[in-house]
């Protein structure tokens, strides 16, 4: 069997497994994975093996499409914080933008926040 045939066979198998996983995840409320597997002629261990393989394939696909992460330079004086502040949780505002989470407190430097928001705005 050629390597191209092997790749096509594996992709078909992964697509079949992905369909099974979607079916299992949309099973009736109250039905366990074990019961669903018994109805579909696979073991629980085999279901989780297939789930892991499909997730790995999805991750490889996603990682191949992601742009390389960029390092955004930040001036050292903008990062100053007191040692005690870094140890104790602070109340403040949590902002989520484009998959980034930013925690802002009253002691957050406005120039730092401006730079971070500018970097996030231009992130893809």
PDB file of N, CA and C in Angstrom:
ATOM      1  N   UNK A   1       0.846  -1.168   0.000  1.00  0.00           N
ATOM      2  CA  UNK A   1       0.000   0.000   0.000  1.00  0.00           C
ATOM      3  C   UNK A   1       0.895   1.235   0.000  1.00  0.00           C
ATOM      4  N   UNK A   2       0.623   2.184  -0.905  1.00  0.00           N
ATOM      5  CA  UNK A   2       1.453   3.385  -0.986  1.00  0.00           C
ATOM      6  C   UNK A   2       1.170   4.314   0.190  1.00  0.00           C
ATOM      7  N   UNK A   3       2.090   5.237   0.417  1.00  0.00           N
ATOM      8  CA  UNK A   3       1.910   6.163   1.541  1.00  0.00           C
ATOM      9  C   UNK A   3       0.723   7.082   1.291  1.00  0.00           C
ATOM     10  N   UNK A   4       0.454   7.417   0.023  1.00  0.00           N
ATOM     11  CA  UNK A   4      -0.699   8.261  -0.293  1.00  0.00           C
ATOM     12  C   UNK A   4      -2.002   7.532   0.019  1.00  0.00           C
ATOM     13  N   UNK A   5      -2.064   6.241  -0.294  1.00  0.00           N
ATOM     14  CA  UNK A   5      -3.243   5.437   0.005  1.00  0.00           C
ATOM     15  C   UNK A   5      -3.438   5.337   1.510  1.00  0.00           C
ATOM     16  N   UNK A   6      -2.346   5.180   2.236  1.00  0.00           N
ATOM     17  CA  UNK A   6      -2.407   5.099   3.693  1.00  0.00           C
ATOM     18  C   UNK A   6      -2.954   6.399   4.286  1.00  0.00           C
ATOM     19  N   UNK A   7      -2.495   7.533   3.759  1.00  0.00           N
ATOM     20  CA  UNK A   7      -2.947   8.831   4.256  1.00  0.00           C
ATOM     21  C   UNK A   7      -4.440   9.013   3.979  1.00  0.00           C
ATOM     22  N   UNK A   8      -4.875   8.640   2.773  1.00  0.00           N
ATOM     23  CA  UNK A   8      -6.294   8.762   2.430  1.00  0.00           C
ATOM     24  C   UNK A   8      -7.135   7.858   3.325  1.00  0.00           C
ATOM     25  N   UNK A   9      -6.669   6.645   3.561  1.00  0.00           N
ATOM     26  CA  UNK A   9      -7.399   5.709   4.424  1.00  0.00           C
ATOM     27  C   UNK A   9      -7.496   6.258   5.842  1.00  0.00           C
ATOM     28  N   UNK A  10      -6.412   6.835   6.341  1.00  0.00           N
ATOM     29  CA  UNK A  10      -6.429   7.390   7.695  1.00  0.00           C
ATOM     30  C   UNK A  10      -7.375   8.583   7.783  1.00  0.00           C
ATOM     31  N   UNK A  11      -7.374   9.439   6.759  1.00  0.00           N
ATOM     32  CA  UNK A  11      -8.282  10.588   6.766  1.00  0.00           C
ATOM     33  C   UNK A  11      -9.737  10.129   6.743  1.00  0.00           C
ATOM     34  N   UNK A  12     -10.046   9.104   5.960  1.00  0.00           N
ATOM     35  CA  UNK A  12     -11.411   8.563   5.917  1.00  0.00           C
ATOM     36  C   UNK A  12     -11.806   8.004   7.280  1.00  0.00           C
ATOM     37  N   UNK A  13     -10.873   7.279   7.897  1.00  0.00           N
ATOM     38  CA  UNK A  13     -11.133   6.696   9.213  1.00  0.00           C
ATOM     39  C   UNK A  13     -11.373   7.803  10.243  1.00  0.00           C
ATOM     40  N   UNK A  14     -10.548   8.846  10.216  1.00  0.00           N
ATOM     41  CA  UNK A  14     -10.715   9.956  11.156  1.00  0.00           C
ATOM     42  C   UNK A  14     -12.042  10.680  10.939  1.00  0.00           C
ATOM     43  N   UNK A  15     -12.465  10.827   9.682  1.00  0.00           N
ATOM     44  CA  UNK A  15     -13.756  11.460   9.405  1.00  0.00           C
ATOM     45  C   UNK A  15     -14.901  10.602   9.940  1.00  0.00           C
ATOM     46  N   UNK A  16     -14.780   9.284   9.775  1.00  0.00           N
ATOM     47  CA  UNK A  16     -15.798   8.369  10.298  1.00  0.00           C
ATOM     48  C   UNK A  16     -15.847   8.459  11.825  1.00  0.00           C
ATOM     49  N   UNK A  17     -14.673   8.471  12.458  1.00  0.00           N
ATOM     50  CA  UNK A  17     -14.610   8.566  13.913  1.00  0.00           C
ATOM     51  C   UNK A  17     -15.169   9.902  14.393  1.00  0.00           C
ATOM     52  N   UNK A  18     -14.866  10.986  13.676  1.00  0.00           N
ATOM     53  CA  UNK A  18     -15.380  12.304  14.057  1.00  0.00           C
ATOM     54  C   UNK A  18     -16.907  12.308  14.011  1.00  0.00           C
ATOM     55  N   UNK A  19     -17.489  11.648  13.002  1.00  0.00           N
ATOM     56  CA  UNK A  19     -18.950  11.554  12.915  1.00  0.00           C
ATOM     57  C   UNK A  19     -19.500  10.767  14.106  1.00  0.00           C
ATOM     58  N   UNK A  20     -18.823   9.686  14.481  1.00  0.00           N
ATOM     59  CA  UNK A  20     -19.257   8.904  15.647  1.00  0.00           C
ATOM     60  C   UNK A  20     -19.187   9.743  16.923  1.00  0.00           C
ATOM     61  N   UNK A  21     -18.133  10.499  17.054  1.00  0.00           N
ATOM     62  CA  UNK A  21     -17.951  11.323  18.254  1.00  0.00           C
ATOM     63  C   UNK A  21     -19.040  12.392  18.324  1.00  0.00           C
ATOM     64  N   UNK A  22     -19.333  13.039  17.186  1.00  0.00           N
ATOM     65  CA  UNK A  22     -20.424  14.023  17.170  1.00  0.00           C
ATOM     66  C   UNK A  22     -21.739  13.354  17.563  1.00  0.00           C
ATOM     67  N   UNK A  23     -21.969  12.147  17.042  1.00  0.00           N
ATOM     68  CA  UNK A  23     -23.188  11.412  17.367  1.00  0.00           C
ATOM     69  C   UNK A  23     -23.254  11.101  18.858  1.00  0.00           C
ATOM     70  N   UNK A  24     -22.134  10.652  19.416  1.00  0.00           N
ATOM     71  CA  UNK A  24     -22.105  10.328  20.846  1.00  0.00           C
ATOM     72  C   UNK A  24     -22.319  11.580  21.686  1.00  0.00           C
ATOM     73  N   UNK A  25     -21.714  12.685  21.285  1.00  0.00           N
ATOM     74  CA  UNK A  25     -21.842  13.912  22.058  1.00  0.00           C
ATOM     75  C   UNK A  25     -23.251  14.505  21.972  1.00  0.00           C
ATOM     76  N   UNK A  26     -24.020  14.089  20.974  1.00  0.00           N
ATOM     77  CA  UNK A  26     -25.400  14.569  20.889  1.00  0.00           C
ATOM     78  C   UNK A  26     -26.391  13.468  21.281  1.00  0.00           C
ATOM     79  N   UNK A  27     -25.901  12.493  22.045  1.00  0.00           N
ATOM     80  CA  UNK A  27     -26.761  11.396  22.502  1.00  0.00           C
ATOM     81  C   UNK A  27     -27.854  11.940  23.415  1.00  0.00           C
ATOM     82  N   UNK A  28     -28.923  11.190  23.609  1.00  0.00           N
ATOM     83  CA  UNK A  28     -30.018  11.660  24.477  1.00  0.00           C
ATOM     84  C   UNK A  28     -29.534  11.939  25.901  1.00  0.00           C
ATOM     85  N   UNK A  29     -30.149  12.931  26.515  1.00  0.00           N
ATOM     86  CA  UNK A  29     -29.816  13.271  27.901  1.00  0.00           C
ATOM     87  C   UNK A  29     -30.043  12.045  28.774  1.00  0.00           C
ATOM     88  N   UNK A  30     -29.122  11.794  29.661  1.00  0.00           N
ATOM     89  CA  UNK A  30     -29.250  10.651  30.560  1.00  0.00           C
ATOM     90  C   UNK A  30     -28.578   9.391  30.044  1.00  0.00           C
ATOM     91  N   UNK A  31     -28.253   9.349  28.750  1.00  0.00           N
ATOM     92  CA  UNK A  31     -27.570   8.165  28.199  1.00  0.00           C
ATOM     93  C   UNK A  31     -26.074   8.332  28.435  1.00  0.00           C
ATOM     94  N   UNK A  32     -25.460   7.320  29.015  1.00  0.00           N
ATOM     95  CA  UNK A  32     -24.025   7.387  29.296  1.00  0.00           C
ATOM     96  C   UNK A  32     -23.222   7.037  28.039  1.00  0.00           C
ATOM     97  N   UNK A  33     -21.953   7.379  28.080  1.00  0.00           N
ATOM     98  CA  UNK A  33     -21.048   7.020  26.983  1.00  0.00           C
ATOM     99  C   UNK A  33     -20.994   5.499  26.844  1.00  0.00           C
ATOM    100  N   UNK A  34     -20.953   4.792  27.972  1.00  0.00           N
ATOM    101  CA  UNK A  34     -20.888   3.326  27.958  1.00  0.00           C
ATOM    102  C   UNK A  34     -22.106   2.747  27.240  1.00  0.00           C
ATOM    103  N   UNK A  35     -23.289   3.271  27.538  1.00  0.00           N
ATOM    104  CA  UNK A  35     -24.518   2.791  26.890  1.00  0.00           C
ATOM    105  C   UNK A  35     -24.491   3.099  25.403  1.00  0.00           C
ATOM    106  N   UNK A  36     -24.076   4.325  25.065  1.00  0.00           N
ATOM    107  CA  UNK A  36     -24.002   4.703  23.651  1.00  0.00           C
ATOM    108  C   UNK A  36     -23.034   3.772  22.919  1.00  0.00           C
ATOM    109  N   UNK A  37     -21.889   3.510  23.519  1.00  0.00           N
ATOM    110  CA  UNK A  37     -20.888   2.626  22.898  1.00  0.00           C
ATOM    111  C   UNK A  37     -21.455   1.222  22.697  1.00  0.00           C
ATOM    112  N   UNK A  38     -22.161   0.704  23.685  1.00  0.00           N
ATOM    113  CA  UNK A  38     -22.748  -0.634  23.576  1.00  0.00           C
ATOM    114  C   UNK A  38     -23.738  -0.688  22.409  1.00  0.00           C
ATOM    115  N   UNK A  39     -24.517   0.380  22.226  1.00  0.00           N
ATOM    116  CA  UNK A  39     -25.479   0.435  21.124  1.00  0.00           C
ATOM    117  C   UNK A  39     -24.794   0.521  19.755  1.00  0.00           C
ATOM    118  N   UNK A  40     -23.555   0.987  19.738  1.00  0.00           N
ATOM    119  CA  UNK A  40     -22.838   1.166  18.472  1.00  0.00           C
ATOM    120  C   UNK A  40     -21.704   0.160  18.276  1.00  0.00           C
ATOM    121  N   UNK A  41     -21.628  -0.809  19.159  1.00  0.00           N
ATOM    122  CA  UNK A  41     -20.682  -1.916  18.979  1.00  0.00           C
ATOM    123  C   UNK A  41     -19.223  -1.566  19.176  1.00  0.00           C
ATOM    124  N   UNK A  42     -18.940  -0.566  20.015  1.00  0.00           N
ATOM    125  CA  UNK A  42     -17.539  -0.260  20.330  1.00  0.00           C
ATOM    126  C   UNK A  42     -17.380  -0.208  21.840  1.00  0.00           C
ATOM    127  N   UNK A  43     -16.164  -0.418  22.287  1.00  0.00           N
ATOM    128  CA  UNK A  43     -15.909  -0.350  23.726  1.00  0.00           C
ATOM    129  C   UNK A  43     -15.693   1.106  24.134  1.00  0.00           C
ATOM    130  N   UNK A  44     -15.848   1.372  25.414  1.00  0.00           N
ATOM    131  CA  UNK A  44     -15.605   2.711  25.948  1.00  0.00           C
ATOM    132  C   UNK A  44     -14.150   3.115  25.680  1.00  0.00           C
ATOM    133  N   UNK A  45     -13.223   2.181  25.890  1.00  0.00           N
ATOM    134  CA  UNK A  45     -11.800   2.468  25.658  1.00  0.00           C
ATOM    135  C   UNK A  45     -11.554   2.835  24.199  1.00  0.00           C
ATOM    136  N   UNK A  46     -12.221   2.111  23.281  1.00  0.00           N
ATOM    137  CA  UNK A  46     -12.055   2.393  21.861  1.00  0.00           C
ATOM    138  C   UNK A  46     -12.645   3.756  21.511  1.00  0.00           C
ATOM    139  N   UNK A  47     -13.771   4.117  22.105  1.00  0.00           N
ATOM    140  CA  UNK A  47     -14.367   5.434  21.878  1.00  0.00           C
ATOM    141  C   UNK A  47     -13.377   6.532  22.295  1.00  0.00           C
ATOM    142  N   UNK A  48     -12.799   6.411  23.479  1.00  0.00           N
ATOM    143  CA  UNK A  48     -11.886   7.448  23.959  1.00  0.00           C
ATOM    144  C   UNK A  48     -10.576   7.470  23.154  1.00  0.00           C
ATOM    145  N   UNK A  49     -10.158   6.314  22.648  1.00  0.00           N
ATOM    146  CA  UNK A  49      -8.994   6.277  21.750  1.00  0.00           C
ATOM    147  C   UNK A  49      -9.310   7.083  20.485  1.00  0.00           C
ATOM    148  N   UNK A  50     -10.489   6.838  19.911  1.00  0.00           N
ATOM    149  CA  UNK A  50     -10.897   7.551  18.698  1.00  0.00           C
ATOM    150  C   UNK A  50     -11.036   9.050  18.968  1.00  0.00           C
ATOM    151  N   UNK A  51     -11.604   9.398  20.110  1.00  0.00           N
ATOM    152  CA  UNK A  51     -11.755  10.796  20.484  1.00  0.00           C
ATOM    153  C   UNK A  51     -10.383  11.476  20.555  1.00  0.00           C
ATOM    154  N   UNK A  52      -9.430  10.797  21.185  1.00  0.00           N
ATOM    155  CA  UNK A  52      -8.078  11.356  21.304  1.00  0.00           C
ATOM    156  C   UNK A  52      -7.437  11.540  19.931  1.00  0.00           C
ATOM    157  N   UNK A  53      -7.568  10.551  19.064  1.00  0.00           N
ATOM    158  CA  UNK A  53      -6.976  10.633  17.721  1.00  0.00           C
ATOM    159  C   UNK A  53      -7.605  11.760  16.894  1.00  0.00           C
ATOM    160  N   UNK A  54      -8.919  11.919  16.994  1.00  0.00           N
ATOM    161  CA  UNK A  54      -9.594  12.994  16.256  1.00  0.00           C
ATOM    162  C   UNK A  54      -9.155  14.355  16.794  1.00  0.00           C
ATOM    163  N   UNK A  55      -9.057  14.482  18.110  1.00  0.00           N
ATOM    164  CA  UNK A  55      -8.596  15.744  18.695  1.00  0.00           C
ATOM    165  C   UNK A  55      -7.171  16.070  18.257  1.00  0.00           C
ATOM    166  N   UNK A  56      -6.301  15.063  18.249  1.00  0.00           N
ATOM    167  CA  UNK A  56      -4.917  15.281  17.811  1.00  0.00           C
ATOM    168  C   UNK A  56      -4.875  15.748  16.364  1.00  0.00           C
ATOM    169  N   UNK A  57      -5.692  15.135  15.499  1.00  0.00           N
ATOM    170  CA  UNK A  57      -5.734  15.526  14.091  1.00  0.00           C
ATOM    171  C   UNK A  57      -6.241  16.962  13.954  1.00  0.00           C
ATOM    172  N   UNK A  58      -7.245  17.331  14.738  1.00  0.00           N
ATOM    173  CA  UNK A  58      -7.770  18.699  14.714  1.00  0.00           C
ATOM    174  C   UNK A  58      -6.710  19.688  15.166  1.00  0.00           C
ATOM    175  N   UNK A  59      -5.986  19.337  16.225  1.00  0.00           N
ATOM    176  CA  UNK A  59      -4.925  20.217  16.718  1.00  0.00           C
ATOM    177  C   UNK A  59      -3.847  20.433  15.663  1.00  0.00           C
ATOM    178  N   UNK A  60      -3.452  19.367  14.980  1.00  0.00           N
ATOM    179  CA  UNK A  60      -2.433  19.499  13.925  1.00  0.00           C
ATOM    180  C   UNK A  60      -2.921  20.426  12.828  1.00  0.00           C
ATOM    181  N   UNK A  61      -4.190  20.301  12.465  1.00  0.00           N
ATOM    182  CA  UNK A  61      -4.759  21.149  11.421  1.00  0.00           C
ATOM    183  C   UNK A  61      -4.782  22.601  11.866  1.00  0.00           C
ATOM    184  N   UNK A  62      -5.229  22.835  13.096  1.00  0.00           N
ATOM    185  CA  UNK A  62      -5.315  24.200  13.618  1.00  0.00           C
ATOM    186  C   UNK A  62      -3.927  24.815  13.734  1.00  0.00           C
ATOM    187  N   UNK A  63      -2.968  24.051  14.248  1.00  0.00           N
ATOM    188  CA  UNK A  63      -1.619  24.576  14.432  1.00  0.00           C
ATOM    189  C   UNK A  63      -0.974  24.912  13.090  1.00  0.00           C
ATOM    190  N   UNK A  64      -1.315  24.166  12.057  1.00  0.00           N
ATOM    191  CA  UNK A  64      -0.776  24.445  10.734  1.00  0.00           C
ATOM    192  C   UNK A  64      -1.308  25.745  10.160  1.00  0.00           C
ATOM    193  N   UNK A  65      -2.484  26.172  10.598  1.00  0.00           N
ATOM    194  CA  UNK A  65      -3.104  27.389  10.086  1.00  0.00           C
ATOM    195  C   UNK A  65      -2.815  28.615  10.930  1.00  0.00           C
ATOM    196  N   UNK A  66      -2.263  28.400  12.132  1.00  0.00           N
ATOM    197  CA  UNK A  66      -2.016  29.527  13.029  1.00  0.00           C
ATOM    198  C   UNK A  66      -0.744  30.262  12.625  1.00  0.00           C
ATOM    199  N   UNK A  67      -0.797  31.597  12.608  1.00  0.00           N
ATOM    200  CA  UNK A  67       0.433  32.341  12.332  1.00  0.00           C
ATOM    201  C   UNK A  67       1.385  32.211  13.513  1.00  0.00           C
ATOM    202  N   UNK A  68       2.650  32.380  13.234  1.00  0.00           N
ATOM    203  CA  UNK A  68       3.643  32.314  14.310  1.00  0.00           C
ATOM    204  C   UNK A  68       3.361  33.425  15.308  1.00  0.00           C
ATOM    205  N   UNK A  69       3.500  33.112  16.582  1.00  0.00           N
ATOM    206  CA  UNK A  69       3.257  34.125  17.602  1.00  0.00           C
ATOM    207  C   UNK A  69       4.359  35.168  17.554  1.00  0.00           C
ATOM    208  N   UNK A  70       3.950  36.389  17.782  1.00  0.00           N
ATOM    209  CA  UNK A  70       4.906  37.479  17.758  1.00  0.00           C
ATOM    210  C   UNK A  70       5.135  37.977  19.181  1.00  0.00           C
ATOM    211  N   UNK A  71       6.350  38.384  19.433  1.00  0.00           N
ATOM    212  CA  UNK A  71       6.683  38.960  20.731  1.00  0.00           C
ATOM    213  C   UNK A  71       6.514  40.464  20.603  1.00  0.00           C
ATOM    214  N   UNK A  72       5.745  41.027  21.509  1.00  0.00           N
ATOM    215  CA  UNK A  72       5.517  42.470  21.496  1.00  0.00           C
ATOM    216  C   UNK A  72       6.428  43.086  22.549  1.00  0.00           C
ATOM    217  N   UNK A  73       7.347  43.956  22.138  1.00  0.00           N
ATOM    218  CA  UNK A  73       8.241  44.563  23.120  1.00  0.00           C
ATOM    219  C   UNK A  73       7.480  45.533  24.021  1.00  0.00           C
ATOM    220  N   UNK A  74       7.785  45.470  25.296  1.00  0.00           N
ATOM    221  CA  UNK A  74       7.172  46.367  26.281  1.00  0.00           C
ATOM    222  C   UNK A  74       8.304  46.964  27.098  1.00  0.00           C
ATOM    223  N   UNK A  75       8.228  48.255  27.274  1.00  0.00           N
ATOM    224  CA  UNK A  75       9.256  48.948  28.042  1.00  0.00           C
ATOM    225  C   UNK A  75       9.283  48.404  29.473  1.00  0.00           C
ATOM    226  N   UNK A  76      10.472  48.105  30.032  1.00  0.00           N
ATOM    227  CA  UNK A  76      10.573  47.531  31.378  1.00  0.00           C
ATOM    228  C   UNK A  76       9.898  48.375  32.459  1.00  0.00           C
ATOM    229  N   UNK A  77       9.958  49.698  32.326  1.00  0.00           N
ATOM    230  CA  UNK A  77       9.350  50.537  33.364  1.00  0.00           C
ATOM    231  C   UNK A  77       7.824  50.406  33.388  1.00  0.00           C
ATOM    232  N   UNK A  78       7.238  49.932  32.303  1.00  0.00           N
ATOM    233  CA  UNK A  78       5.787  49.722  32.272  1.00  0.00           C
ATOM    234  C   UNK A  78       5.378  48.473  33.043  1.00  0.00           C
ATOM    235  N   UNK A  79       6.329  47.584  33.283  1.00  0.00           N
ATOM    236  CA  UNK A  79       6.033  46.321  33.942  1.00  0.00           C
ATOM    237  C   UNK A  79       6.287  46.340  35.442  1.00  0.00           C
ATOM    238  N   UNK A  80       6.647  47.470  35.984  1.00  0.00           N
ATOM    239  CA  UNK A  80       6.954  47.539  37.413  1.00  0.00           C
ATOM    240  C   UNK A  80       5.711  47.236  38.243  1.00  0.00           C
ATOM    241  N   UNK A  81       5.907  46.397  39.231  1.00  0.00           N
ATOM    242  CA  UNK A  81       4.836  46.134  40.190  1.00  0.00           C
ATOM    243  C   UNK A  81       5.485  45.788  41.517  1.00  0.00           C
ATOM    244  N   UNK A  82       4.751  46.027  42.562  1.00  0.00           N
ATOM    245  CA  UNK A  82       5.289  45.701  43.870  1.00  0.00           C
ATOM    246  C   UNK A  82       5.207  44.205  44.115  1.00  0.00           C
ATOM    247  N   UNK A  83       6.183  43.645  44.810  1.00  0.00           N
ATOM    248  CA  UNK A  83       6.248  42.212  45.060  1.00  0.00           C
ATOM    249  C   UNK A  83       4.990  41.710  45.749  1.00  0.00           C
ATOM    250  N   UNK A  84       4.477  42.445  46.706  1.00  0.00           N
ATOM    251  CA  UNK A  84       3.296  42.017  47.454  1.00  0.00           C
ATOM    252  C   UNK A  84       2.087  41.928  46.524  1.00  0.00           C
ATOM    253  N   UNK A  85       1.946  42.855  45.584  1.00  0.00           N
ATOM    254  CA  UNK A  85       0.818  42.852  44.661  1.00  0.00           C
ATOM    255  C   UNK A  85       0.789  41.588  43.824  1.00  0.00           C
ATOM    256  N   UNK A  86       1.957  41.104  43.443  1.00  0.00           N
ATOM    257  CA  UNK A  86       1.998  39.922  42.582  1.00  0.00           C
ATOM    258  C   UNK A  86       1.629  38.646  43.331  1.00  0.00           C
ATOM    259  N   UNK A  87       1.666  38.668  44.659  1.00  0.00           N
ATOM    260  CA  UNK A  87       1.353  37.476  45.443  1.00  0.00           C
ATOM    261  C   UNK A  87      -0.124  37.397  45.826  1.00  0.00           C
ATOM    262  N   UNK A  88      -0.770  38.531  45.993  1.00  0.00           N
ATOM    263  CA  UNK A  88      -2.151  38.513  46.447  1.00  0.00           C
ATOM    264  C   UNK A  88      -3.083  38.849  45.293  1.00  0.00           C
ATOM    265  N   UNK A  89      -4.187  38.091  45.170  1.00  0.00           N
ATOM    266  CA  UNK A  89      -5.128  38.396  44.096  1.00  0.00           C
ATOM    267  C   UNK A  89      -5.743  39.773  44.305  1.00  0.00           C
ATOM    268  N   UNK A  90      -5.937  40.498  43.227  1.00  0.00           N
ATOM    269  CA  UNK A  90      -6.478  41.836  43.318  1.00  0.00           C
ATOM    270  C   UNK A  90      -7.838  41.883  42.651  1.00  0.00           C
ATOM    271  N   UNK A  91      -8.696  42.751  43.178  1.00  0.00           N
ATOM    272  CA  UNK A  91      -9.953  42.967  42.490  1.00  0.00           C
ATOM    273  C   UNK A  91      -9.653  43.851  41.293  1.00  0.00           C
ATOM    274  N   UNK A  92     -10.496  43.794  40.322  1.00  0.00           N
ATOM    275  CA  UNK A  92     -10.275  44.606  39.147  1.00  0.00           C
ATOM    276  C   UNK A  92     -11.200  44.200  38.030  1.00  0.00           C
ATOM    277  N   UNK A  93     -10.790  44.483  36.838  1.00  0.00           N
ATOM    278  CA  UNK A  93     -11.581  44.246  35.638  1.00  0.00           C
ATOM    279  C   UNK A  93     -10.877  43.222  34.772  1.00  0.00           C
ATOM    280  N   UNK A  94     -11.606  42.183  34.358  1.00  0.00           N
ATOM    281  CA  UNK A  94     -11.068  41.193  33.435  1.00  0.00           C
ATOM    282  C   UNK A  94     -11.633  41.479  32.055  1.00  0.00           C
ATOM    283  N   UNK A  95     -10.746  41.634  31.082  1.00  0.00           N
ATOM    284  CA  UNK A  95     -11.147  41.925  29.705  1.00  0.00           C
ATOM    285  C   UNK A  95     -10.714  40.750  28.838  1.00  0.00           C
ATOM    286  N   UNK A  96     -11.635  40.262  28.002  1.00  0.00           N
ATOM    287  CA  UNK A  96     -11.305  39.202  27.049  1.00  0.00           C
ATOM    288  C   UNK A  96     -11.531  39.741  25.643  1.00  0.00           C
ATOM    289  N   UNK A  97     -10.471  39.741  24.846  1.00  0.00           N
ATOM    290  CA  UNK A  97     -10.529  40.248  23.477  1.00  0.00           C
ATOM    291  C   UNK A  97      -9.743  39.308  22.577  1.00  0.00           C
ATOM    292  N   UNK A  98     -10.360  38.845  21.505  1.00  0.00           N
ATOM    293  CA  UNK A  98      -9.681  38.017  20.494  1.00  0.00           C
ATOM    294  C   UNK A  98      -8.920  36.850  21.121  1.00  0.00           C
ATOM    295  N   UNK A  99      -9.459  36.254  22.160  1.00  0.00           N
ATOM    296  CA  UNK A  99      -8.815  35.118  22.787  1.00  0.00           C
ATOM    297  C   UNK A  99      -7.774  35.481  23.839  1.00  0.00           C
ATOM    298  N   UNK A 100      -7.559  36.759  24.073  1.00  0.00           N
ATOM    299  CA  UNK A 100      -6.621  37.217  25.094  1.00  0.00           C
ATOM    300  C   UNK A 100      -7.408  37.601  26.339  1.00  0.00           C
ATOM    301  N   UNK A 101      -6.845  37.355  27.505  1.00  0.00           N
ATOM    302  CA  UNK A 101      -7.460  37.786  28.761  1.00  0.00           C
ATOM    303  C   UNK A 101      -6.528  38.783  29.426  1.00  0.00           C
ATOM    304  N   UNK A 102      -7.104  39.897  29.830  1.00  0.00           N
ATOM    305  CA  UNK A 102      -6.325  40.965  30.449  1.00  0.00           C
ATOM    306  C   UNK A 102      -6.985  41.305  31.785  1.00  0.00           C
ATOM    307  N   UNK A 103      -6.198  41.329  32.852  1.00  0.00           N
ATOM    308  CA  UNK A 103      -6.707  41.705  34.171  1.00  0.00           C
ATOM    309  C   UNK A 103      -6.186  43.102  34.482  1.00  0.00           C
ATOM    310  N   UNK A 104      -7.113  44.022  34.680  1.00  0.00           N
ATOM    311  CA  UNK A 104      -6.761  45.419  34.925  1.00  0.00           C
ATOM    312  C   UNK A 104      -7.171  45.767  36.351  1.00  0.00           C
ATOM    313  N   UNK A 105      -6.246  46.379  37.084  1.00  0.00           N
ATOM    314  CA  UNK A 105      -6.540  46.840  38.448  1.00  0.00           C
ATOM    315  C   UNK A 105      -6.307  48.339  38.496  1.00  0.00           C
ATOM    316  N   UNK A 106      -6.622  48.924  39.636  1.00  0.00           N
ATOM    317  CA  UNK A 106      -6.411  50.365  39.770  1.00  0.00           C
ATOM    318  C   UNK A 106      -4.930  50.721  39.706  1.00  0.00           C
ATOM    319  N   UNK A 107      -4.056  49.756  39.976  1.00  0.00           N
ATOM    320  CA  UNK A 107      -2.620  50.046  39.923  1.00  0.00           C
ATOM    321  C   UNK A 107      -2.010  49.729  38.557  1.00  0.00           C
ATOM    322  N   UNK A 108      -2.836  49.268  37.604  1.00  0.00           N
ATOM    323  CA  UNK A 108      -2.326  48.992  36.256  1.00  0.00           C
ATOM    324  C   UNK A 108      -1.895  50.298  35.610  1.00  0.00           C
ATOM    325  N   UNK A 109      -0.719  50.279  35.075  1.00  0.00           N
ATOM    326  CA  UNK A 109      -0.182  51.456  34.396  1.00  0.00           C
ATOM    327  C   UNK A 109      -1.001  51.709  33.119  1.00  0.00           C
ATOM    328  N   UNK A 110      -1.484  52.931  32.956  1.00  0.00           N
ATOM    329  CA  UNK A 110      -2.269  53.264  31.764  1.00  0.00           C
ATOM    330  C   UNK A 110      -1.431  53.146  30.481  1.00  0.00           C
ATOM    331  N   UNK A 111      -0.164  53.555  30.496  1.00  0.00           N
ATOM    332  CA  UNK A 111       0.638  53.353  29.286  1.00  0.00           C
ATOM    333  C   UNK A 111       0.798  51.861  28.939  1.00  0.00           C
ATOM    334  N   UNK A 112       0.956  51.008  29.963  1.00  0.00           N
ATOM    335  CA  UNK A 112       1.054  49.571  29.716  1.00  0.00           C
ATOM    336  C   UNK A 112      -0.248  49.054  29.122  1.00  0.00           C
ATOM    337  N   UNK A 113      -1.383  49.441  29.712  1.00  0.00           N
ATOM    338  CA  UNK A 113      -2.681  49.007  29.210  1.00  0.00           C
ATOM    339  C   UNK A 113      -2.875  49.462  27.766  1.00  0.00           C
ATOM    340  N   UNK A 114      -2.500  50.685  27.472  1.00  0.00           N
ATOM    341  CA  UNK A 114      -2.633  51.201  26.106  1.00  0.00           C
ATOM    342  C   UNK A 114      -1.800  50.375  25.130  1.00  0.00           C
ATOM    343  N   UNK A 115      -0.559  50.042  25.511  1.00  0.00           N
ATOM    344  CA  UNK A 115       0.307  49.236  24.637  1.00  0.00           C
ATOM    345  C   UNK A 115      -0.260  47.833  24.434  1.00  0.00           C
ATOM    346  N   UNK A 116      -0.761  47.229  25.507  1.00  0.00           N
ATOM    347  CA  UNK A 116      -1.324  45.879  25.420  1.00  0.00           C
ATOM    348  C   UNK A 116      -2.553  45.893  24.520  1.00  0.00           C
ATOM    349  N   UNK A 117      -3.437  46.856  24.723  1.00  0.00           N
ATOM    350  CA  UNK A 117      -4.645  46.932  23.899  1.00  0.00           C
ATOM    351  C   UNK A 117      -4.305  47.189  22.429  1.00  0.00           C
ATOM    352  N   UNK A 118      -3.279  48.005  22.183  1.00  0.00           N
ATOM    353  CA  UNK A 118      -2.857  48.258  20.808  1.00  0.00           C
ATOM    354  C   UNK A 118      -2.333  46.967  20.173  1.00  0.00           C
ATOM    355  N   UNK A 119      -1.556  46.200  20.932  1.00  0.00           N
ATOM    356  CA  UNK A 119      -1.015  44.940  20.412  1.00  0.00           C
ATOM    357  C   UNK A 119      -2.139  43.942  20.142  1.00  0.00           C
ATOM    358  N   UNK A 120      -3.107  43.874  21.052  1.00  0.00           N
ATOM    359  CA  UNK A 120      -4.229  42.932  20.883  1.00  0.00           C
ATOM    360  C   UNK A 120      -5.068  43.340  19.672  1.00  0.00           C
ATOM    361  N   UNK A 121      -5.290  44.621  19.509  1.00  0.00           N
ATOM    362  CA  UNK A 121      -6.102  45.111  18.397  1.00  0.00           C
ATOM    363  C   UNK A 121      -5.502  44.673  17.054  1.00  0.00           C
ATOM    364  N   UNK A 122      -4.182  44.619  16.972  1.00  0.00           N
ATOM    365  CA  UNK A 122      -3.519  44.265  15.716  1.00  0.00           C
ATOM    366  C   UNK A 122      -3.204  42.767  15.620  1.00  0.00           C
ATOM    367  N   UNK A 123      -3.505  42.015  16.649  1.00  0.00           N
ATOM    368  CA  UNK A 123      -3.246  40.569  16.635  1.00  0.00           C
ATOM    369  C   UNK A 123      -4.262  39.880  15.732  1.00  0.00           C
ATOM    370  N   UNK A 124      -3.841  38.794  15.146  1.00  0.00           N
ATOM    371  CA  UNK A 124      -4.753  38.004  14.291  1.00  0.00           C
ATOM    372  C   UNK A 124      -5.046  36.694  14.923  1.00  0.00           C
TER     373      UNK A 124
END
